[in-house]
Amino acid sequence: MNDATDIEEFLGQPPRSRWRRWRKWIFIGVPLLILLLMLSRCFRPAPPVHYATAPVERHDLIVTVTATGNLAPTVQVNVGSEESGLVDKVYVHNNDRVVKGQPLAQLDLSRLRDALVQSQATLQAALATVAQNRATVAQTKANLAREEQVYKVSGGKVPSQTELDTARADYARAAANVLQAEAQVAQARANVSTNQTSLSKGTIYAPVTGVVLSRQVEPGTTVAASFNVATLFTIAEDLSKMKLQVKVDEADVGELHEGEPANFTVEFGYKAPFRAGFHEPLPIIRSLVPAGNLLQSQRRRQVECRHVTDFHAGERLDCK
């Protein structure tokens, strides 16, 4: 080894490092070692197989259909206003309990009161016209009676036939004016009744007993009922019975039947499921959505939830 080193030094070559001397043996030994490990694994005896056994039992196969939907009251009433105007007062808030006939809000009644007073004045004027025309009837009737008496006493000489015909026409005309005035009185009474109804509708009352779910009006809001009836309040009549409408895939619709039990849970709050039941299924296809060469149909099922409290309409629920 020393001679080889001396020769390399004499020739001017740098001495070989120890890594270069052992590199060949490393490249040969490592693959050989890996090969030996793989062969040892291949020829290793397989572990014994253990089987878990259990006695055969007969049970029912339960099919569970899962869907999502929104909880809503069974009876929900949207309250609007038939009259237009400016909202003056609002008496209730969200989640307030109301009874049938309780005032919810009131419009500015000044315009409605003025219309009622004007119609009442028109009625009084029509009544006065009737009285005036009846007096004219009495006068023309008396004149006609005198003319006929004179004509009878004079043997038809006086008054002339023209004067007698004029008296009869005046009496008939006066009687017709009475009928016309009475018709105007009836029309004026109808206008008074209409304005009284409008004035009463200026105050919005609760149509049912229940809970106010939403209030969409504030004092100072302008209500334009001539274009469309805007919803001012939403009232749920009975929150002890609520419904959950869910969309069920068409593959699962055939597995559901009316009266079957169901459970539902909410996304937050209560973790335990609540009992419900399928009620009034709606088998009508609501929509057909083209998907390639197939048509996908969606049907709705309604779940009736009894004795459910502490929930609000519009909560998202998972129903099984």
Foldseek 3Di string as FASTA:
>chain_A
DVVVVVVCVVVVHDDDDPCVVCVVVVVVPPVVVVVVVVVCVVPDDDDDDDDDDDDDDDDDDDDDFKWKFWKFFPDKDFFFFLDWAFWAFADDAAFDWDAFFAWGTFGPLPVLVVQLVVLVVQLVVLVVQLVVLVVQLVVLVVVLVVQVVVCVVVVNPPDDPVVNVVSVVSNVVSVVSNVVSVVSNVVSVVSNVVSVVNSVSSTTTDRHTFGWHHADDDGGDTDDPVVHTDGGTMGRHDPQKIKTKTKGWPVCPVVDDFFDKKWKDFPDDDDDIAIWTWDDFFPDFPDWDDDPPDTTTIGMTMIMGHRDDPDGTGGMMMMD
